[in-house]
Amino acid sequence: MQENSIHLFEFDKSFGKIIIGTDEAGRGPGAGGVFAAAVHFNEITDGLINDLSILNDSKKLTPKKRDSIYDVIKNNTVNKIVCVEVEDIEKLNILNASLKAMNLACSCVNEGLNNTLTLVDGNKLIKSYPYPQQCIIKGDSKSASIAAASILAKVTRDRYMEKLDEEFPMYNWRKNAGYLTAEHLSAIDKYGISPYHRPSFLKKHFERILR
């Protein structure tokens, strides 16, 4: 596994710039905010690479493995995690809300750094972003910085949904993280929507019921 993490760090190093990686979590769910994280590794040592030997796209790691390296990433990087809540998602749409979260997170990490390049997971550049940037398709499995950002965003969002679950346990967000599973949709039909639901994501469901 360490060989994979070495490749991830070498990918970032190949640009010859100070790299900031960014990724989001929570574009697909029907409840909760969307999170973005930005990460810059300011010192990369053999020990750090070893500690992050399982580093990869957060979707390829179990929750236990993500949790096991979350603090390692937090404590060894310049990082920022931003949540854009449901109100903004409904105003902006989910893509623009995700890019807003990335912009805020990356702009914060960029402060005080020179000669930076922001690597953005996916195929959409960050709108109105004043720093050099480049899209990396499937970047969370290519770049150490993006992979680390994906883990910070995912773990933070999962913990946020667990907190919301304490307030609204009927939707089982602790398990489904806000995704519109059959169980979640059934709970919505029974209890209605909460302030944390995204109404625009539920239009088709309610239209189908009303037919």
Protein backbone atom coordinates (compact mmCIF):
# COMPACT_ATOMS: atom_id res chain seq x y z
CA MET A 1 0.00 0.00 0.00
CA GLN A 2 2.86 2.42 0.72
CA GLU A 3 3.90 2.22 -2.92
CA ASN A 4 0.54 3.73 -3.87
CA SER A 5 0.96 6.66 -1.47
CA ILE A 6 4.46 7.28 -2.87
CA HIS A 7 2.95 7.57 -6.36
CA LEU A 8 0.35 10.03 -5.06
CA PHE A 9 2.99 12.30 -3.56
CA GLU A 10 5.20 12.00 -6.66
CA PHE A 11 2.26 13.12 -8.81
CA ASP A 12 1.97 16.35 -6.80
CA LYS A 13 5.71 16.90 -6.84
CA SER A 14 5.82 16.58 -10.65
CA PHE A 15 4.13 19.98 -11.09
CA GLY A 16 7.07 21.85 -9.56
CA LYS A 17 4.69 24.11 -7.63
CA ILE A 18 3.30 24.44 -4.13
CA ILE A 19 0.29 22.16 -4.47
CA ILE A 20 -3.11 22.65 -2.89
CA GLY A 21 -5.57 19.82 -3.47
CA THR A 22 -9.32 20.14 -3.14
CA ASP A 23 -12.30 17.82 -3.21
CA GLU A 24 -15.91 17.82 -2.05
CA ALA A 25 -18.26 15.48 -0.25
CA GLY A 26 -22.03 15.53 -0.30
CA ARG A 27 -23.09 16.51 -3.81
CA GLY A 28 -25.42 13.53 -4.16
CA PRO A 29 -27.42 13.32 -0.90
CA GLY A 30 -30.90 14.75 -0.48
CA ALA A 31 -30.16 16.16 2.98
CA GLY A 32 -27.39 18.11 4.65
CA GLY A 33 -24.80 20.57 3.44
CA VAL A 34 -22.04 20.02 0.92
CA PHE A 35 -18.47 20.03 2.23
CA ALA A 36 -15.19 20.89 0.54
CA ALA A 37 -11.67 20.57 1.89
CA ALA A 38 -8.40 22.07 0.72
CA VAL A 39 -5.06 20.54 1.69
CA HIS A 40 -1.41 21.52 1.33
CA PHE A 41 1.34 19.24 2.63
CA ASN A 42 3.96 21.71 3.81
CA GLU A 43 6.53 19.05 4.75
CA ILE A 44 6.61 15.56 3.28
CA THR A 45 8.80 13.06 5.11
CA ASP A 46 9.31 9.31 4.79
CA GLY A 47 7.57 8.95 8.14
CA LEU A 48 4.53 10.86 6.90
CA ILE A 49 4.34 8.79 3.72
CA ASN A 50 4.49 5.68 5.88
CA ASP A 51 1.78 6.99 8.21
CA LEU A 52 -0.38 7.65 5.15
CA SER A 53 0.39 4.35 3.44
CA ILE A 54 -3.35 3.69 2.89
CA LEU A 55 -3.98 7.16 1.43
CA ASN A 56 -6.41 6.92 -1.47
CA ASP A 57 -9.71 8.18 -2.81
CA SER A 58 -11.97 8.33 0.27
CA LYS A 59 -14.62 6.24 -1.53
CA LYS A 60 -12.13 3.37 -1.79
CA LEU A 61 -11.49 3.29 1.96
CA THR A 62 -13.72 1.95 4.71
CA PRO A 63 -15.01 4.43 7.30
CA LYS A 64 -12.61 2.90 9.85
CA LYS A 65 -9.61 3.45 7.56
CA ARG A 66 -10.69 7.02 6.75
CA ASP A 67 -10.99 7.77 10.46
CA SER A 68 -7.56 6.23 11.14
CA ILE A 69 -5.73 8.79 8.98
CA TYR A 70 -8.01 11.80 9.44
CA ASP A 71 -5.98 13.25 12.32
CA VAL A 72 -2.67 12.47 10.58
CA ILE A 73 -3.81 14.60 7.64
CA LYS A 74 -5.21 17.36 9.86
CA ASN A 75 -2.03 17.59 11.93
CA ASN A 76 0.46 17.51 9.03
CA THR A 77 -1.08 19.90 6.54
CA VAL A 78 -2.30 23.42 6.03
CA ASN A 79 -6.00 22.70 5.56
CA LYS A 80 -9.46 24.19 5.58
CA ILE A 81 -12.86 22.48 5.57
CA VAL A 82 -15.95 24.45 4.54
CA CYS A 83 -19.64 23.55 4.61
CA VAL A 84 -22.18 25.25 2.35
CA GLU A 85 -25.59 24.60 3.86
CA VAL A 86 -28.92 23.68 2.30
CA GLU A 87 -30.15 27.27 1.94
CA ASP A 88 -27.27 28.10 -0.40
CA ILE A 89 -27.57 24.77 -2.23
CA GLU A 90 -31.18 25.64 -3.05
CA LYS A 91 -30.25 29.15 -4.18
CA LEU A 92 -27.14 28.31 -6.20
CA ASN A 93 -27.73 24.64 -7.24
CA ILE A 94 -25.51 21.85 -5.99
CA LEU A 95 -22.67 22.30 -8.50
CA ASN A 96 -22.26 26.00 -7.75
CA ALA A 97 -22.60 25.38 -4.02
CA SER A 98 -19.81 22.77 -4.24
CA LEU A 99 -17.58 25.18 -6.16
CA LYS A 100 -18.32 27.93 -3.63
CA ALA A 101 -17.20 25.64 -0.81
CA MET A 102 -14.01 24.80 -2.74
CA ASN A 103 -13.34 28.48 -3.42
CA LEU A 104 -13.65 29.39 0.26
CA ALA A 105 -11.50 26.47 1.43
CA CYS A 106 -8.75 26.91 -1.18
CA SER A 107 -8.59 30.69 -0.84
CA CYS A 108 -8.01 30.27 2.89
CA VAL A 109 -5.15 27.77 2.38
CA ASN A 110 -3.61 29.96 -0.33
CA GLU A 111 -3.14 32.89 2.05
CA GLY A 112 0.56 33.56 2.58
CA LEU A 113 1.72 31.02 -0.02
CA ASN A 114 3.47 31.79 -3.31
CA ASN A 115 3.86 29.85 -6.55
CA THR A 116 0.80 27.71 -5.84
CA LEU A 117 -1.22 25.48 -8.10
CA THR A 118 -4.61 24.27 -6.96
CA LEU A 119 -5.53 20.79 -8.18
CA VAL A 120 -9.31 20.46 -8.41
CA ASP A 121 -10.86 17.00 -8.46
CA GLY A 122 -13.14 16.51 -11.45
CA ASN A 123 -13.66 18.48 -14.65
CA LYS A 124 -14.96 21.84 -13.39
CA LEU A 125 -12.70 24.75 -12.51
CA ILE A 126 -13.55 26.86 -9.46
CA LYS A 127 -15.50 29.95 -10.51
CA SER A 128 -14.10 33.40 -9.67
CA TYR A 129 -11.01 31.85 -8.09
CA PRO A 130 -8.03 34.21 -8.21
CA TYR A 131 -5.26 31.60 -8.05
CA PRO A 132 -3.80 29.21 -10.67
CA GLN A 133 -5.81 25.98 -10.86
CA GLN A 134 -6.04 22.80 -12.88
CA CYS A 135 -8.73 20.11 -13.09
CA ILE A 136 -7.65 16.54 -12.42
CA ILE A 137 -10.20 13.93 -13.47
CA LYS A 138 -10.29 11.16 -10.85
CA GLY A 139 -7.74 13.25 -8.99
CA ASP A 140 -8.61 11.64 -5.65
CA SER A 141 -6.86 8.47 -6.88
CA LYS A 142 -3.91 10.34 -8.47
CA SER A 143 -2.93 13.21 -6.17
CA ALA A 144 -1.94 12.97 -2.50
CA SER A 145 -3.33 16.43 -1.80
CA ILE A 146 -6.68 15.73 -3.45
CA ALA A 147 -6.95 12.30 -1.80
CA ALA A 148 -6.26 13.90 1.59
CA ALA A 149 -8.85 16.60 0.90
CA SER A 150 -11.39 13.95 -0.07
CA ILE A 151 -10.87 12.21 3.27
CA LEU A 152 -11.15 15.40 5.32
CA ALA A 153 -14.34 16.39 3.50
CA LYS A 154 -15.92 12.94 3.70
CA VAL A 155 -15.12 12.24 7.36
CA THR A 156 -16.17 15.73 8.46
CA ARG A 157 -19.45 15.46 6.57
CA ASP A 158 -20.19 11.99 7.96
CA ARG A 159 -19.63 13.28 11.49
CA TYR A 160 -21.88 16.27 10.75
CA MET A 161 -24.66 13.94 9.54
CA GLU A 162 -24.26 11.85 12.69
CA LYS A 163 -24.86 15.01 14.76
CA LEU A 164 -27.94 15.85 12.69
CA ASP A 165 -29.14 12.27 13.22
CA GLU A 166 -29.32 12.98 16.96
CA GLU A 167 -31.85 15.72 16.21
CA PHE A 168 -33.78 13.81 13.52
CA PRO A 169 -33.22 10.08 14.19
CA MET A 170 -36.25 9.02 12.12
CA TYR A 171 -34.31 9.50 8.85
CA ASN A 172 -31.34 7.33 9.92
CA TRP A 173 -28.77 9.81 8.59
CA ARG A 174 -26.14 8.11 10.72
CA LYS A 175 -26.39 5.20 8.31
CA ASN A 176 -27.39 6.76 4.96
CA ALA A 177 -25.52 10.13 5.30
CA GLY A 178 -28.51 11.86 3.74
CA TYR A 179 -28.60 9.80 0.54
CA LEU A 180 -32.12 9.07 -0.68
CA THR A 181 -32.28 5.37 0.08
CA ALA A 182 -35.63 3.57 0.04
CA GLU A 183 -35.66 3.71 3.85
CA HIS A 184 -34.93 7.44 3.84
CA LEU A 185 -37.66 8.18 1.27
CA SER A 186 -40.13 6.11 3.27
CA ALA A 187 -39.31 8.18 6.39
CA ILE A 188 -39.82 11.39 4.40
CA ASP A 189 -43.26 10.15 3.30
CA LYS A 190 -44.13 9.38 6.92
CA TYR A 191 -42.64 12.39 8.73
CA GLY A 192 -42.28 15.04 6.01
CA ILE A 193 -39.07 16.94 5.31
CA SER A 194 -36.77 18.56 7.85
CA PRO A 195 -34.98 21.93 7.61
CA TYR A 196 -31.89 19.98 6.49
CA HIS A 197 -33.52 18.39 3.45
CA ARG A 198 -32.87 19.73 -0.06
CA PRO A 199 -36.34 20.30 -1.56
CA SER A 200 -34.99 20.50 -5.10
CA PHE A 201 -33.64 16.95 -4.75
CA LEU A 202 -37.08 15.66 -3.75
CA LYS A 203 -39.23 17.16 -6.50
CA LYS A 204 -39.28 14.01 -8.62
CA HIS A 205 -40.14 11.86 -5.60
CA PHE A 206 -43.11 14.01 -4.63
CA GLU A 207 -44.26 14.34 -8.25
CA ARG A 208 -44.28 10.55 -8.51
CA ILE A 209 -46.41 10.29 -5.34
CA LEU A 210 -48.94 12.84 -6.61
CA ARG A 211 -49.54 11.12 -9.95
